[in-house]
Amino acid sequence: MFGSFILMFITSLGLAILVNRIGVWGWMSGVKLGAFTGVCFALTSIGINMLYEKKPMGLFFINGGYQVLGNIIAAVIIVCWQ
């Protein structure tokens, strides 16, 4: 669990740096940024791995959805925390 915490912290730190650099504010901007980063970075990375692992497509949607939703929640918290 400690390893997961560290990796989630790194993801949140990256989101915080993005929020600071592009200057977004408001919870809806957090939703958009979280969805964008979740789909463009996390979901595509999981998709590439799934192509080579040949695991069921349902697992892709579960894992990808978890990552996208996690990015959205993290981005909303970071944007509102400013």
N, C-alpha and C. Protein backbone atom coordinates (compact mmCIF):
# COMPACT_ATOMS: atom_id res chain seq x y z
N MET A 1 0.81 -1.20 0.00
CA MET A 1 0.00 0.00 0.00
C MET A 1 0.86 1.27 0.00
N PHE A 2 2.02 1.18 0.63
CA PHE A 2 2.90 2.35 0.67
C PHE A 2 3.37 2.72 -0.74
N GLY A 3 3.65 1.71 -1.56
CA GLY A 3 4.05 1.97 -2.95
C GLY A 3 2.96 2.67 -3.72
N SER A 4 1.70 2.25 -3.53
CA SER A 4 0.57 2.91 -4.18
C SER A 4 0.44 4.36 -3.74
N PHE A 5 0.65 4.59 -2.44
CA PHE A 5 0.58 5.95 -1.92
C PHE A 5 1.63 6.84 -2.58
N ILE A 6 2.83 6.34 -2.70
CA ILE A 6 3.92 7.13 -3.31
C ILE A 6 3.59 7.45 -4.77
N LEU A 7 3.12 6.46 -5.51
CA LEU A 7 2.81 6.68 -6.92
C LEU A 7 1.63 7.64 -7.10
N MET A 8 0.61 7.54 -6.24
CA MET A 8 -0.51 8.47 -6.31
C MET A 8 -0.07 9.89 -5.93
N PHE A 9 0.86 9.97 -4.99
CA PHE A 9 1.41 11.27 -4.60
C PHE A 9 2.14 11.91 -5.77
N ILE A 10 2.90 11.13 -6.51
CA ILE A 10 3.62 11.65 -7.68
C ILE A 10 2.64 12.14 -8.73
N THR A 11 1.56 11.39 -8.96
CA THR A 11 0.54 11.82 -9.91
C THR A 11 -0.10 13.13 -9.46
N SER A 12 -0.43 13.22 -8.19
CA SER A 12 -1.05 14.44 -7.66
C SER A 12 -0.09 15.62 -7.73
N LEU A 13 1.17 15.37 -7.49
CA LEU A 13 2.18 16.42 -7.59
C LEU A 13 2.26 16.94 -9.03
N GLY A 14 2.24 16.03 -9.99
CA GLY A 14 2.25 16.44 -11.39
C GLY A 14 1.02 17.26 -11.75
N LEU A 15 -0.14 16.86 -11.24
CA LEU A 15 -1.36 17.64 -11.48
C LEU A 15 -1.25 19.03 -10.85
N ALA A 16 -0.70 19.09 -9.64
CA ALA A 16 -0.55 20.38 -8.97
C ALA A 16 0.38 21.31 -9.75
N ILE A 17 1.44 20.76 -10.31
CA ILE A 17 2.35 21.57 -11.13
C ILE A 17 1.63 22.07 -12.37
N LEU A 18 0.85 21.21 -13.01
CA LEU A 18 0.07 21.62 -14.19
C LEU A 18 -0.93 22.72 -13.84
N VAL A 19 -1.64 22.54 -12.73
CA VAL A 19 -2.62 23.54 -12.30
C VAL A 19 -1.93 24.88 -12.07
N ASN A 20 -0.78 24.85 -11.45
CA ASN A 20 -0.04 26.08 -11.17
C ASN A 20 0.47 26.73 -12.45
N ARG A 21 0.95 25.93 -13.38
CA ARG A 21 1.52 26.49 -14.63
C ARG A 21 0.47 27.09 -15.54
N ILE A 22 -0.67 26.41 -15.68
CA ILE A 22 -1.68 26.92 -16.61
C ILE A 22 -2.71 27.81 -15.94
N GLY A 23 -2.67 27.86 -14.61
CA GLY A 23 -3.51 28.81 -13.88
C GLY A 23 -5.00 28.54 -13.96
N VAL A 24 -5.42 27.31 -13.79
CA VAL A 24 -6.86 27.02 -13.81
C VAL A 24 -7.46 27.30 -12.44
N TRP A 25 -8.74 27.60 -12.41
CA TRP A 25 -9.45 27.81 -11.16
C TRP A 25 -10.89 27.39 -11.36
N GLY A 26 -11.55 27.02 -10.29
CA GLY A 26 -12.94 26.56 -10.36
C GLY A 26 -13.00 25.05 -10.49
N TRP A 27 -13.98 24.47 -9.85
CA TRP A 27 -14.06 23.01 -9.83
C TRP A 27 -14.30 22.41 -11.21
N MET A 28 -15.01 23.13 -12.07
CA MET A 28 -15.26 22.58 -13.41
C MET A 28 -13.98 22.52 -14.23
N SER A 29 -13.09 23.47 -14.04
CA SER A 29 -11.79 23.41 -14.69
C SER A 29 -10.99 22.22 -14.17
N GLY A 30 -11.15 21.91 -12.89
CA GLY A 30 -10.51 20.73 -12.32
C GLY A 30 -11.04 19.44 -12.94
N VAL A 31 -12.34 19.40 -13.17
CA VAL A 31 -12.93 18.22 -13.83
C VAL A 31 -12.36 18.06 -15.23
N LYS A 32 -12.31 19.16 -15.96
CA LYS A 32 -11.80 19.10 -17.33
C LYS A 32 -10.32 18.71 -17.37
N LEU A 33 -9.52 19.31 -16.49
CA LEU A 33 -8.09 18.98 -16.45
C LEU A 33 -7.89 17.52 -16.03
N GLY A 34 -8.62 17.07 -15.03
CA GLY A 34 -8.51 15.69 -14.58
C GLY A 34 -8.91 14.70 -15.66
N ALA A 35 -10.00 15.00 -16.38
CA ALA A 35 -10.43 14.12 -17.46
C ALA A 35 -9.41 14.12 -18.60
N PHE A 36 -8.88 15.29 -18.91
CA PHE A 36 -7.89 15.39 -19.98
C PHE A 36 -6.63 14.59 -19.65
N THR A 37 -6.08 14.82 -18.46
CA THR A 37 -4.86 14.10 -18.09
C THR A 37 -5.13 12.62 -17.88
N GLY A 38 -6.30 12.29 -17.36
CA GLY A 38 -6.64 10.89 -17.16
C GLY A 38 -6.72 10.12 -18.47
N VAL A 39 -7.39 10.72 -19.44
CA VAL A 39 -7.55 10.05 -20.74
C VAL A 39 -6.24 10.07 -21.52
N CYS A 40 -5.59 11.22 -21.56
CA CYS A 40 -4.39 11.35 -22.41
C CYS A 40 -3.16 10.64 -21.85
N PHE A 41 -3.05 10.50 -20.56
CA PHE A 41 -1.85 9.88 -20.00
C PHE A 41 -2.13 8.51 -19.39
N ALA A 42 -3.06 8.44 -18.44
CA ALA A 42 -3.29 7.18 -17.73
C ALA A 42 -4.00 6.16 -18.60
N LEU A 43 -5.09 6.56 -19.23
CA LEU A 43 -5.89 5.62 -20.03
C LEU A 43 -5.11 5.08 -21.22
N THR A 44 -4.38 5.93 -21.89
CA THR A 44 -3.61 5.46 -23.04
C THR A 44 -2.49 4.51 -22.61
N SER A 45 -1.87 4.80 -21.48
CA SER A 45 -0.82 3.91 -20.97
C SER A 45 -1.38 2.54 -20.63
N ILE A 46 -2.53 2.52 -19.97
CA ILE A 46 -3.18 1.25 -19.64
C ILE A 46 -3.58 0.53 -20.92
N GLY A 47 -4.08 1.28 -21.89
CA GLY A 47 -4.48 0.67 -23.16
C GLY A 47 -3.33 0.02 -23.90
N ILE A 48 -2.17 0.65 -23.89
CA ILE A 48 -1.00 0.07 -24.54
C ILE A 48 -0.61 -1.23 -23.86
N ASN A 49 -0.63 -1.23 -22.53
CA ASN A 49 -0.32 -2.46 -21.80
C ASN A 49 -1.32 -3.56 -22.10
N MET A 50 -2.60 -3.21 -22.17
CA MET A 50 -3.64 -4.20 -22.43
C MET A 50 -3.50 -4.83 -23.82
N LEU A 51 -3.01 -4.05 -24.77
CA LEU A 51 -2.83 -4.59 -26.12
C LEU A 51 -1.87 -5.77 -26.12
N TYR A 52 -0.81 -5.67 -25.33
CA TYR A 52 0.20 -6.71 -25.33
C TYR A 52 -0.08 -7.81 -24.31
N GLU A 53 -0.83 -7.51 -23.28
CA GLU A 53 -1.14 -8.52 -22.28
C GLU A 53 -2.32 -9.40 -22.69
N LYS A 54 -3.11 -8.92 -23.65
CA LYS A 54 -4.28 -9.65 -24.17
C LYS A 54 -5.24 -10.06 -23.06
N LYS A 55 -5.52 -9.12 -22.17
CA LYS A 55 -6.49 -9.35 -21.11
C LYS A 55 -7.86 -8.89 -21.59
N PRO A 56 -8.93 -9.29 -20.90
CA PRO A 56 -10.28 -8.93 -21.34
C PRO A 56 -10.51 -7.41 -21.40
N MET A 57 -11.33 -7.00 -22.34
CA MET A 57 -11.62 -5.58 -22.54
C MET A 57 -12.31 -4.98 -21.33
N GLY A 58 -13.09 -5.76 -20.62
CA GLY A 58 -13.76 -5.27 -19.41
C GLY A 58 -12.76 -4.80 -18.37
N LEU A 59 -11.63 -5.49 -18.28
CA LEU A 59 -10.59 -5.10 -17.34
C LEU A 59 -9.99 -3.75 -17.73
N PHE A 60 -9.89 -3.50 -19.01
CA PHE A 60 -9.40 -2.20 -19.49
C PHE A 60 -10.33 -1.08 -19.01
N PHE A 61 -11.64 -1.29 -19.13
CA PHE A 61 -12.59 -0.27 -18.72
C PHE A 61 -12.58 -0.07 -17.20
N ILE A 62 -12.41 -1.13 -16.45
CA ILE A 62 -12.34 -1.01 -14.99
C ILE A 62 -11.09 -0.24 -14.58
N ASN A 63 -9.93 -0.68 -15.06
CA ASN A 63 -8.67 -0.03 -14.69
C ASN A 63 -8.59 1.40 -15.23
N GLY A 64 -8.99 1.58 -16.48
CA GLY A 64 -8.95 2.91 -17.08
C GLY A 64 -9.92 3.87 -16.41
N GLY A 65 -11.12 3.40 -16.13
CA GLY A 65 -12.11 4.24 -15.46
C GLY A 65 -11.65 4.65 -14.07
N TYR A 66 -11.01 3.72 -13.37
CA TYR A 66 -10.48 4.02 -12.04
C TYR A 66 -9.43 5.13 -12.12
N GLN A 67 -8.54 5.05 -13.08
CA GLN A 67 -7.50 6.06 -13.21
C GLN A 67 -8.05 7.42 -13.64
N VAL A 68 -8.97 7.42 -14.58
CA VAL A 68 -9.56 8.69 -15.04
C VAL A 68 -10.34 9.34 -13.91
N LEU A 69 -11.15 8.57 -13.21
CA LEU A 69 -11.92 9.11 -12.09
C LEU A 69 -10.99 9.61 -10.98
N GLY A 70 -9.93 8.88 -10.72
CA GLY A 70 -8.96 9.31 -9.72
C GLY A 70 -8.29 10.62 -10.09
N ASN A 71 -7.96 10.78 -11.37
CA ASN A 71 -7.36 12.04 -11.83
C ASN A 71 -8.35 13.19 -11.72
N ILE A 72 -9.61 12.94 -12.03
CA ILE A 72 -10.61 13.99 -11.92
C ILE A 72 -10.77 14.43 -10.47
N ILE A 73 -10.87 13.48 -9.56
CA ILE A 73 -11.03 13.82 -8.15
C ILE A 73 -9.80 14.58 -7.64
N ALA A 74 -8.62 14.10 -7.98
CA ALA A 74 -7.39 14.77 -7.54
C ALA A 74 -7.31 16.19 -8.09
N ALA A 75 -7.63 16.37 -9.36
CA ALA A 75 -7.55 17.71 -9.97
C ALA A 75 -8.57 18.66 -9.35
N VAL A 76 -9.77 18.18 -9.07
CA VAL A 76 -10.78 19.04 -8.44
C VAL A 76 -10.32 19.47 -7.05
N ILE A 77 -9.79 18.53 -6.28
CA ILE A 77 -9.30 18.87 -4.95
C ILE A 77 -8.16 19.88 -5.03
N ILE A 78 -7.23 19.68 -5.94
CA ILE A 78 -6.08 20.59 -6.05
C ILE A 78 -6.52 21.97 -6.50
N VAL A 79 -7.44 22.03 -7.48
CA VAL A 79 -7.89 23.33 -7.98
C VAL A 79 -8.68 24.08 -6.90
N CYS A 80 -9.52 23.38 -6.17
CA CYS A 80 -10.32 24.04 -5.13
C CYS A 80 -9.49 24.40 -3.91
N TRP A 81 -8.38 23.73 -3.72
CA TRP A 81 -7.52 23.95 -2.56
C TRP A 81 -6.70 25.22 -2.68
N GLN A 82 -6.53 25.72 -3.89
CA GLN A 82 -5.69 26.90 -4.11
C GLN A 82 -6.18 28.09 -3.34
